[in-house]
């Protein structure tokens, strides 16, 4: 398997906006097949499932994991049991993206309804069907750890890494290579509380409203020219914007899929 490039960019505009010396961006959004934080590990995952014809995933509506998997594995049917998460225009845009994929079967409802539907299928235990962990968590993987190592070699060890936390896989991978990392919690409140208590380096227990995160991402787009999401990257940038004291050098991991047009 060919190693994926680790792309690092520097943004003086974001550095001025946040009042820090330097901002480095790890552009995971530019990886192939839609990009996003799970693209590296999903490549290994896809290779391991050569005989699988159906993959079942319980995650949020318009899931990034389903988005990337459907491109990596065009001959495999991705069954997404998607839960609403008050994602506004971004949630609608991601749902629309998945609806356009012929190999994605997407159901949408409450967490309890989708959880019941997912487990009902799982209990049948049919051959050639694979059921992923909740949220698509795949654990720490060597490909992501290699990307972290490559990033540190490129920018040096003085940078403090910041990453959005959904499953927590990326935060855990970065933490194995450097203690200078903060994971900004993005999930619904109950899950944020659990992650906050169970994960080292997790922060941002209280997050700003969706409207404020959308406003922040408008500002970030004006500064960078890039349209990143308000759910994950919006939470990260809002968190950093509110912090009174920040490390002088920040390395922000951009982990949403490639340029989804949700701002209009």
C-alpha atoms as a PDB file:
ATOM      1  CA  UNK A   1       0.000   0.000   0.000  1.00  0.00           C
ATOM      2  CA  UNK A   2       1.408   3.404  -0.995  1.00  0.00           C
ATOM      3  CA  UNK A   3       1.854   5.797   1.933  1.00  0.00           C
ATOM      4  CA  UNK A   4      -0.306   8.901   1.721  1.00  0.00           C
ATOM      5  CA  UNK A   5       1.385  12.287   1.644  1.00  0.00           C
ATOM      6  CA  UNK A   6       1.302  14.386   4.800  1.00  0.00           C
ATOM      7  CA  UNK A   7       0.550  17.929   3.674  1.00  0.00           C
ATOM      8  CA  UNK A   8       1.440  20.768   6.042  1.00  0.00           C
ATOM      9  CA  UNK A   9       0.699  24.435   5.346  1.00  0.00           C
ATOM     10  CA  UNK A  10       1.353  27.580   7.372  1.00  0.00           C
ATOM     11  CA  UNK A  11      -1.174  30.399   7.796  1.00  0.00           C
ATOM     12  CA  UNK A  12       0.034  33.819   8.923  1.00  0.00           C
ATOM     13  CA  UNK A  13      -3.578  35.085   8.671  1.00  0.00           C
ATOM     14  CA  UNK A  14      -4.815  32.527  11.217  1.00  0.00           C
ATOM     15  CA  UNK A  15      -1.804  33.220  13.425  1.00  0.00           C
ATOM     16  CA  UNK A  16      -2.706  36.955  13.538  1.00  0.00           C
ATOM     17  CA  UNK A  17      -6.379  36.140  14.110  1.00  0.00           C
ATOM     18  CA  UNK A  18      -5.572  33.885  17.080  1.00  0.00           C
ATOM     19  CA  UNK A  19      -2.803  36.115  18.396  1.00  0.00           C
ATOM     20  CA  UNK A  20      -0.054  33.485  18.239  1.00  0.00           C
ATOM     21  CA  UNK A  21       3.356  33.290  16.578  1.00  0.00           C
ATOM     22  CA  UNK A  22       2.656  30.527  14.057  1.00  0.00           C
ATOM     23  CA  UNK A  23      -0.177  28.306  12.873  1.00  0.00           C
ATOM     24  CA  UNK A  24       0.522  25.113  10.932  1.00  0.00           C
ATOM     25  CA  UNK A  25      -2.320  23.215   9.282  1.00  0.00           C
ATOM     26  CA  UNK A  26      -2.227  19.466   8.620  1.00  0.00           C
ATOM     27  CA  UNK A  27      -4.497  19.206   5.578  1.00  0.00           C
ATOM     28  CA  UNK A  28      -6.078  15.780   6.057  1.00  0.00           C
ATOM     29  CA  UNK A  29      -9.060  17.173   4.159  1.00  0.00           C
ATOM     30  CA  UNK A  30      -6.990  17.020   0.962  1.00  0.00           C
ATOM     31  CA  UNK A  31      -6.355  13.276   1.110  1.00  0.00           C
ATOM     32  CA  UNK A  32      -7.833  11.174  -1.743  1.00  0.00           C
ATOM     33  CA  UNK A  33     -11.348   9.696  -1.804  1.00  0.00           C
ATOM     34  CA  UNK A  34     -12.951  12.644  -0.094  1.00  0.00           C
ATOM     35  CA  UNK A  35     -10.230  13.008   2.520  1.00  0.00           C
ATOM     36  CA  UNK A  36     -10.912  13.417   6.220  1.00  0.00           C
ATOM     37  CA  UNK A  37      -9.268  12.177   9.358  1.00  0.00           C
ATOM     38  CA  UNK A  38     -10.071   8.481   8.874  1.00  0.00           C
ATOM     39  CA  UNK A  39      -8.806   8.231   5.291  1.00  0.00           C
ATOM     40  CA  UNK A  40      -5.412   6.781   6.292  1.00  0.00           C
ATOM     41  CA  UNK A  41      -6.697   4.052   8.576  1.00  0.00           C
ATOM     42  CA  UNK A  42      -9.660   3.282   6.323  1.00  0.00           C
ATOM     43  CA  UNK A  43      -7.249   2.277   3.556  1.00  0.00           C
ATOM     44  CA  UNK A  44      -5.831  -0.454   5.831  1.00  0.00           C
ATOM     45  CA  UNK A  45      -9.342  -1.361   6.958  1.00  0.00           C
ATOM     46  CA  UNK A  46     -10.521  -1.730   3.332  1.00  0.00           C
ATOM     47  CA  UNK A  47      -7.642  -4.064   2.489  1.00  0.00           C
ATOM     48  CA  UNK A  48      -8.571  -6.341   5.383  1.00  0.00           C
ATOM     49  CA  UNK A  49     -12.169  -6.683   4.159  1.00  0.00           C
ATOM     50  CA  UNK A  50     -11.591  -8.124   0.698  1.00  0.00           C
ATOM     51  CA  UNK A  51     -14.435 -10.656   1.063  1.00  0.00           C
ATOM     52  CA  UNK A  52     -16.947  -8.262   2.590  1.00  0.00           C
ATOM     53  CA  UNK A  53     -19.919  -7.116   0.518  1.00  0.00           C
ATOM     54  CA  UNK A  54     -21.790  -5.074   3.142  1.00  0.00           C
ATOM     55  CA  UNK A  55     -20.503  -2.734   5.867  1.00  0.00           C
ATOM     56  CA  UNK A  56     -22.840  -1.498   8.609  1.00  0.00           C
ATOM     57  CA  UNK A  57     -22.090   1.711  10.493  1.00  0.00           C
ATOM     58  CA  UNK A  58     -23.900   3.428  13.374  1.00  0.00           C
ATOM     59  CA  UNK A  59     -22.803   7.048  13.301  1.00  0.00           C
ATOM     60  CA  UNK A  60     -24.131  10.566  12.711  1.00  0.00           C
ATOM     61  CA  UNK A  61     -26.193  11.455   9.624  1.00  0.00           C
ATOM     62  CA  UNK A  62     -23.934  12.104   6.634  1.00  0.00           C
ATOM     63  CA  UNK A  63     -21.031  10.397   8.427  1.00  0.00           C
ATOM     64  CA  UNK A  64     -17.490  11.273   7.284  1.00  0.00           C
ATOM     65  CA  UNK A  65     -16.554   7.592   7.640  1.00  0.00           C
ATOM     66  CA  UNK A  66     -19.362   6.496   5.310  1.00  0.00           C
ATOM     67  CA  UNK A  67     -18.471   9.353   2.949  1.00  0.00           C
ATOM     68  CA  UNK A  68     -14.887   8.125   2.550  1.00  0.00           C
ATOM     69  CA  UNK A  69     -15.645   4.377   2.693  1.00  0.00           C
ATOM     70  CA  UNK A  70     -18.122   4.648  -0.173  1.00  0.00           C
ATOM     71  CA  UNK A  71     -15.333   5.977  -2.381  1.00  0.00           C
ATOM     72  CA  UNK A  72     -12.664   3.591  -1.175  1.00  0.00           C
ATOM     73  CA  UNK A  73     -14.936   0.579  -1.638  1.00  0.00           C
ATOM     74  CA  UNK A  74     -17.287   1.351  -4.557  1.00  0.00           C
ATOM     75  CA  UNK A  75     -18.340  -2.310  -4.907  1.00  0.00           C
ATOM     76  CA  UNK A  76     -19.308  -2.627  -1.235  1.00  0.00           C
ATOM     77  CA  UNK A  77     -22.696  -1.513   0.084  1.00  0.00           C
ATOM     78  CA  UNK A  78     -22.328   0.895   3.021  1.00  0.00           C
ATOM     79  CA  UNK A  79     -25.324   0.752   5.384  1.00  0.00           C
ATOM     80  CA  UNK A  80     -25.358   3.932   7.478  1.00  0.00           C
ATOM     81  CA  UNK A  81     -27.634   4.201  10.495  1.00  0.00           C
ATOM     82  CA  UNK A  82     -27.370   7.975  10.853  1.00  0.00           C
ATOM     83  CA  UNK A  83     -28.405   9.955  13.900  1.00  0.00           C
ATOM     84  CA  UNK A  84     -29.465  13.602  13.806  1.00  0.00           C
ATOM     85  CA  UNK A  85     -27.063  15.932  15.637  1.00  0.00           C
ATOM     86  CA  UNK A  86     -28.382  19.472  15.026  1.00  0.00           C
ATOM     87  CA  UNK A  87     -25.832  20.114  12.296  1.00  0.00           C
ATOM     88  CA  UNK A  88     -27.900  22.600  10.320  1.00  0.00           C
ATOM     89  CA  UNK A  89     -26.848  23.273   6.712  1.00  0.00           C
ATOM     90  CA  UNK A  90     -23.707  21.185   7.087  1.00  0.00           C
ATOM     91  CA  UNK A  91     -25.628  18.085   8.179  1.00  0.00           C
ATOM     92  CA  UNK A  92     -28.022  18.590   5.245  1.00  0.00           C
ATOM     93  CA  UNK A  93     -25.102  18.951   2.813  1.00  0.00           C
ATOM     94  CA  UNK A  94     -23.390  15.769   4.042  1.00  0.00           C
ATOM     95  CA  UNK A  95     -26.650  13.804   3.942  1.00  0.00           C
ATOM     96  CA  UNK A  96     -27.168  14.992   0.366  1.00  0.00           C
ATOM     97  CA  UNK A  97     -23.632  13.901  -0.559  1.00  0.00           C
ATOM     98  CA  UNK A  98     -24.306  10.381   0.710  1.00  0.00           C
ATOM     99  CA  UNK A  99     -27.720  10.185  -0.928  1.00  0.00           C
ATOM    100  CA  UNK A 100     -25.960  10.700  -4.255  1.00  0.00           C
ATOM    101  CA  UNK A 101     -23.728   7.649  -3.706  1.00  0.00           C
ATOM    102  CA  UNK A 102     -25.217   4.509  -5.281  1.00  0.00           C
ATOM    103  CA  UNK A 103     -23.461   2.194  -2.820  1.00  0.00           C
ATOM    104  CA  UNK A 104     -24.745   3.953   0.328  1.00  0.00           C
ATOM    105  CA  UNK A 105     -27.998   2.979   2.038  1.00  0.00           C
ATOM    106  CA  UNK A 106     -28.666   5.696   4.611  1.00  0.00           C
ATOM    107  CA  UNK A 107     -31.319   5.619   7.322  1.00  0.00           C
ATOM    108  CA  UNK A 108     -31.757   8.652   9.568  1.00  0.00           C
ATOM    109  CA  UNK A 109     -33.432   8.939  12.960  1.00  0.00           C
ATOM    110  CA  UNK A 110     -32.833   9.278  16.674  1.00  0.00           C
ATOM    111  CA  UNK A 111     -29.858   7.591  18.330  1.00  0.00           C
ATOM    112  CA  UNK A 112     -32.113   5.028  19.990  1.00  0.00           C
ATOM    113  CA  UNK A 113     -34.035   4.221  16.806  1.00  0.00           C
ATOM    114  CA  UNK A 114     -30.876   3.882  14.724  1.00  0.00           C
ATOM    115  CA  UNK A 115     -29.120   1.940  17.477  1.00  0.00           C
ATOM    116  CA  UNK A 116     -31.979  -0.555  17.554  1.00  0.00           C
ATOM    117  CA  UNK A 117     -31.959  -0.920  13.750  1.00  0.00           C
ATOM    118  CA  UNK A 118     -28.173  -1.404  13.711  1.00  0.00           C
ATOM    119  CA  UNK A 119     -28.208  -4.039  16.446  1.00  0.00           C
ATOM    120  CA  UNK A 120     -31.169  -5.829  14.897  1.00  0.00           C
ATOM    121  CA  UNK A 121     -29.113  -6.368  11.745  1.00  0.00           C
ATOM    122  CA  UNK A 122     -26.033  -7.282  13.785  1.00  0.00           C
ATOM    123  CA  UNK A 123     -27.870 -10.040  15.635  1.00  0.00           C
ATOM    124  CA  UNK A 124     -28.575 -11.763  12.304  1.00  0.00           C
ATOM    125  CA  UNK A 125     -24.790 -12.243  11.833  1.00  0.00           C
ATOM    126  CA  UNK A 126     -24.940 -12.881   8.098  1.00  0.00           C
ATOM    127  CA  UNK A 127     -21.834 -13.848   6.094  1.00  0.00           C
ATOM    128  CA  UNK A 128     -20.061 -11.101   4.117  1.00  0.00           C
ATOM    129  CA  UNK A 129     -21.491  -8.430   6.445  1.00  0.00           C
ATOM    130  CA  UNK A 130     -19.175  -6.404   8.685  1.00  0.00           C
ATOM    131  CA  UNK A 131     -20.366  -4.274  11.601  1.00  0.00           C
ATOM    132  CA  UNK A 132     -18.111  -1.394  12.633  1.00  0.00           C
ATOM    133  CA  UNK A 133     -17.687  -0.039  16.146  1.00  0.00           C
ATOM    134  CA  UNK A 134     -20.027   2.830  17.054  1.00  0.00           C
ATOM    135  CA  UNK A 135     -18.978   6.000  15.265  1.00  0.00           C
ATOM    136  CA  UNK A 136     -16.627   4.067  13.007  1.00  0.00           C
ATOM    137  CA  UNK A 137     -13.849   3.952  15.586  1.00  0.00           C
ATOM    138  CA  UNK A 138     -10.865   1.931  14.333  1.00  0.00           C
ATOM    139  CA  UNK A 139      -8.342   2.581  17.111  1.00  0.00           C
ATOM    140  CA  UNK A 140      -4.718   3.688  16.841  1.00  0.00           C
ATOM    141  CA  UNK A 141      -3.100   2.720  13.554  1.00  0.00           C
ATOM    142  CA  UNK A 142       0.431   2.778  12.165  1.00  0.00           C
ATOM    143  CA  UNK A 143      -0.481   4.895   9.121  1.00  0.00           C
ATOM    144  CA  UNK A 144      -1.772   7.778  11.241  1.00  0.00           C
ATOM    145  CA  UNK A 145       1.129   7.503  13.670  1.00  0.00           C
ATOM    146  CA  UNK A 146       3.488   7.745  10.680  1.00  0.00           C
ATOM    147  CA  UNK A 147       1.664  10.910   9.559  1.00  0.00           C
ATOM    148  CA  UNK A 148       2.087  12.371  13.049  1.00  0.00           C
ATOM    149  CA  UNK A 149       5.807  11.538  13.014  1.00  0.00           C
ATOM    150  CA  UNK A 150       6.190  13.090   9.552  1.00  0.00           C
ATOM    151  CA  UNK A 151       4.376  16.233  10.703  1.00  0.00           C
ATOM    152  CA  UNK A 152       6.613  16.612  13.750  1.00  0.00           C
ATOM    153  CA  UNK A 153       9.704  16.165  11.576  1.00  0.00           C
ATOM    154  CA  UNK A 154       8.418  18.893   9.246  1.00  0.00           C
ATOM    155  CA  UNK A 155       7.428  21.536  11.807  1.00  0.00           C
ATOM    156  CA  UNK A 156       9.564  20.580  14.810  1.00  0.00           C
ATOM    157  CA  UNK A 157       8.590  19.758  18.372  1.00  0.00           C
ATOM    158  CA  UNK A 158       7.726  23.293  19.515  1.00  0.00           C
ATOM    159  CA  UNK A 159       4.179  23.148  18.098  1.00  0.00           C
ATOM    160  CA  UNK A 160       1.144  22.235  20.196  1.00  0.00           C
ATOM    161  CA  UNK A 161      -1.240  20.001  18.227  1.00  0.00           C
ATOM    162  CA  UNK A 162      -4.999  20.628  18.243  1.00  0.00           C
ATOM    163  CA  UNK A 163      -7.555  18.195  16.853  1.00  0.00           C
ATOM    164  CA  UNK A 164     -11.344  17.732  16.860  1.00  0.00           C
ATOM    165  CA  UNK A 165     -12.496  14.724  18.892  1.00  0.00           C
ATOM    166  CA  UNK A 166     -15.327  12.497  17.674  1.00  0.00           C
ATOM    167  CA  UNK A 167     -14.284   8.864  18.238  1.00  0.00           C
ATOM    168  CA  UNK A 168     -10.990  10.019  19.757  1.00  0.00           C
ATOM    169  CA  UNK A 169      -8.819   7.812  17.504  1.00  0.00           C
ATOM    170  CA  UNK A 170      -6.759  10.680  16.078  1.00  0.00           C
ATOM    171  CA  UNK A 171      -6.200  12.280  19.474  1.00  0.00           C
ATOM    172  CA  UNK A 172      -4.945   8.947  20.826  1.00  0.00           C
ATOM    173  CA  UNK A 173      -2.639   8.481  17.827  1.00  0.00           C
ATOM    174  CA  UNK A 174      -1.103  11.940  18.230  1.00  0.00           C
ATOM    175  CA  UNK A 175      -0.745  11.465  21.991  1.00  0.00           C
ATOM    176  CA  UNK A 176       1.405   8.363  21.446  1.00  0.00           C
ATOM    177  CA  UNK A 177       3.958  10.535  19.614  1.00  0.00           C
ATOM    178  CA  UNK A 178       3.843  13.813  21.582  1.00  0.00           C
ATOM    179  CA  UNK A 179       2.297  15.029  24.868  1.00  0.00           C
ATOM    180  CA  UNK A 180       1.760  18.477  23.308  1.00  0.00           C
ATOM    181  CA  UNK A 181      -1.783  17.851  22.073  1.00  0.00           C
ATOM    182  CA  UNK A 182      -5.313  18.989  22.904  1.00  0.00           C
ATOM    183  CA  UNK A 183      -8.432  17.226  21.688  1.00  0.00           C
ATOM    184  CA  UNK A 184     -11.445  19.531  21.393  1.00  0.00           C
ATOM    185  CA  UNK A 185     -14.656  17.639  22.154  1.00  0.00           C
ATOM    186  CA  UNK A 186     -17.361  17.885  19.482  1.00  0.00           C
ATOM    187  CA  UNK A 187     -20.015  15.322  20.409  1.00  0.00           C
ATOM    188  CA  UNK A 188     -23.423  15.769  22.092  1.00  0.00           C
ATOM    189  CA  UNK A 189     -23.104  16.809  25.744  1.00  0.00           C
ATOM    190  CA  UNK A 190     -23.544  13.367  27.339  1.00  0.00           C
ATOM    191  CA  UNK A 191     -20.801  11.866  25.154  1.00  0.00           C
ATOM    192  CA  UNK A 192     -18.571  14.919  25.703  1.00  0.00           C
ATOM    193  CA  UNK A 193     -18.797  14.383  29.446  1.00  0.00           C
ATOM    194  CA  UNK A 194     -17.855  10.697  29.104  1.00  0.00           C
ATOM    195  CA  UNK A 195     -14.946  11.485  26.771  1.00  0.00           C
ATOM    196  CA  UNK A 196     -13.783  14.320  29.017  1.00  0.00           C
ATOM    197  CA  UNK A 197     -13.590  11.961  31.974  1.00  0.00           C
ATOM    198  CA  UNK A 198     -12.047   9.041  30.097  1.00  0.00           C
ATOM    199  CA  UNK A 199      -9.617  10.658  27.641  1.00  0.00           C
ATOM    200  CA  UNK A 200      -6.374  12.347  28.559  1.00  0.00           C
ATOM    201  CA  UNK A 201      -5.773  15.670  26.751  1.00  0.00           C
ATOM    202  CA  UNK A 202      -9.515  16.170  26.032  1.00  0.00           C
ATOM    203  CA  UNK A 203     -10.843  19.709  26.445  1.00  0.00           C
ATOM    204  CA  UNK A 204     -13.746  21.954  25.466  1.00  0.00           C
ATOM    205  CA  UNK A 205     -16.448  20.410  27.624  1.00  0.00           C
ATOM    206  CA  UNK A 206     -18.671  23.432  26.928  1.00  0.00           C
ATOM    207  CA  UNK A 207     -18.890  24.459  23.278  1.00  0.00           C
ATOM    208  CA  UNK A 208     -20.421  27.459  21.568  1.00  0.00           C
ATOM    209  CA  UNK A 209     -23.768  27.395  19.769  1.00  0.00           C
ATOM    210  CA  UNK A 210     -24.018  26.203  16.189  1.00  0.00           C
ATOM    211  CA  UNK A 211     -24.770  29.769  15.046  1.00  0.00           C
ATOM    212  CA  UNK A 212     -21.574  31.010  16.671  1.00  0.00           C
ATOM    213  CA  UNK A 213     -19.565  28.189  15.099  1.00  0.00           C
ATOM    214  CA  UNK A 214     -21.022  29.033  11.694  1.00  0.00           C
ATOM    215  CA  UNK A 215     -20.053  32.677  12.232  1.00  0.00           C
ATOM    216  CA  UNK A 216     -16.529  31.570  13.136  1.00  0.00           C
ATOM    217  CA  UNK A 217     -16.228  29.458   9.994  1.00  0.00           C
ATOM    218  CA  UNK A 218     -17.318  32.435   7.887  1.00  0.00           C
ATOM    219  CA  UNK A 219     -14.416  34.342   9.431  1.00  0.00           C
ATOM    220  CA  UNK A 220     -12.018  31.462   8.831  1.00  0.00           C
ATOM    221  CA  UNK A 221     -13.115  31.269   5.186  1.00  0.00           C
ATOM    222  CA  UNK A 222     -12.435  34.990   4.779  1.00  0.00           C
ATOM    223  CA  UNK A 223      -8.956  34.464   6.217  1.00  0.00           C
ATOM    224  CA  UNK A 224      -8.008  31.255   4.394  1.00  0.00           C
ATOM    225  CA  UNK A 225     -10.308  30.918   1.381  1.00  0.00           C
ATOM    226  CA  UNK A 226     -11.308  27.433   2.591  1.00  0.00           C
ATOM    227  CA  UNK A 227     -14.768  26.150   3.516  1.00  0.00           C
ATOM    228  CA  UNK A 228     -14.397  23.843   6.494  1.00  0.00           C
ATOM    229  CA  UNK A 229     -17.203  22.357   8.544  1.00  0.00           C
ATOM    230  CA  UNK A 230     -18.868  24.021  11.582  1.00  0.00           C
ATOM    231  CA  UNK A 231     -19.303  20.785  13.528  1.00  0.00           C
ATOM    232  CA  UNK A 232     -15.715  19.619  13.914  1.00  0.00           C
ATOM    233  CA  UNK A 233     -13.435  22.373  12.611  1.00  0.00           C
ATOM    234  CA  UNK A 234     -15.948  25.007  13.721  1.00  0.00           C
ATOM    235  CA  UNK A 235     -15.762  23.667  17.261  1.00  0.00           C
ATOM    236  CA  UNK A 236     -11.949  23.675  17.153  1.00  0.00           C
ATOM    237  CA  UNK A 237     -11.637  27.235  15.860  1.00  0.00           C
ATOM    238  CA  UNK A 238     -14.343  28.551  18.219  1.00  0.00           C
ATOM    239  CA  UNK A 239     -12.544  26.911  21.121  1.00  0.00           C
ATOM    240  CA  UNK A 240      -9.223  28.494  20.142  1.00  0.00           C
ATOM    241  CA  UNK A 241     -10.861  31.871  19.495  1.00  0.00           C
ATOM    242  CA  UNK A 242     -12.252  31.922  23.059  1.00  0.00           C
ATOM    243  CA  UNK A 243      -9.057  30.824  24.839  1.00  0.00           C
ATOM    244  CA  UNK A 244      -7.350  33.660  26.692  1.00  0.00           C
ATOM    245  CA  UNK A 245      -3.935  32.031  26.538  1.00  0.00           C
ATOM    246  CA  UNK A 246      -2.707  29.806  23.720  1.00  0.00           C
ATOM    247  CA  UNK A 247       0.630  28.123  23.025  1.00  0.00           C
ATOM    248  CA  UNK A 248       2.722  30.369  20.747  1.00  0.00           C
ATOM    249  CA  UNK A 249       2.896  27.729  18.013  1.00  0.00           C
ATOM    250  CA  UNK A 250      -0.227  25.774  17.031  1.00  0.00           C
ATOM    251  CA  UNK A 251      -0.577  22.800  14.690  1.00  0.00           C
ATOM    252  CA  UNK A 252      -4.247  22.393  13.757  1.00  0.00           C
ATOM    253  CA  UNK A 253      -5.330  19.135  12.103  1.00  0.00           C
ATOM    254  CA  UNK A 254      -7.972  19.820   9.438  1.00  0.00           C
ATOM    255  CA  UNK A 255      -9.978  16.615   9.506  1.00  0.00           C
ATOM    256  CA  UNK A 256     -13.225  17.268   7.609  1.00  0.00           C
ATOM    257  CA  UNK A 257     -13.798  15.927   4.070  1.00  0.00           C
ATOM    258  CA  UNK A 258     -12.660  17.966   1.078  1.00  0.00           C
ATOM    259  CA  UNK A 259     -14.412  21.333   0.624  1.00  0.00           C
ATOM    260  CA  UNK A 260     -18.093  20.502   1.216  1.00  0.00           C
ATOM    261  CA  UNK A 261     -20.095  23.557   0.108  1.00  0.00           C
ATOM    262  CA  UNK A 262     -22.517  24.135   2.963  1.00  0.00           C
ATOM    263  CA  UNK A 263     -22.203  27.932   3.335  1.00  0.00           C
ATOM    264  CA  UNK A 264     -23.787  28.639  -0.059  1.00  0.00           C
END
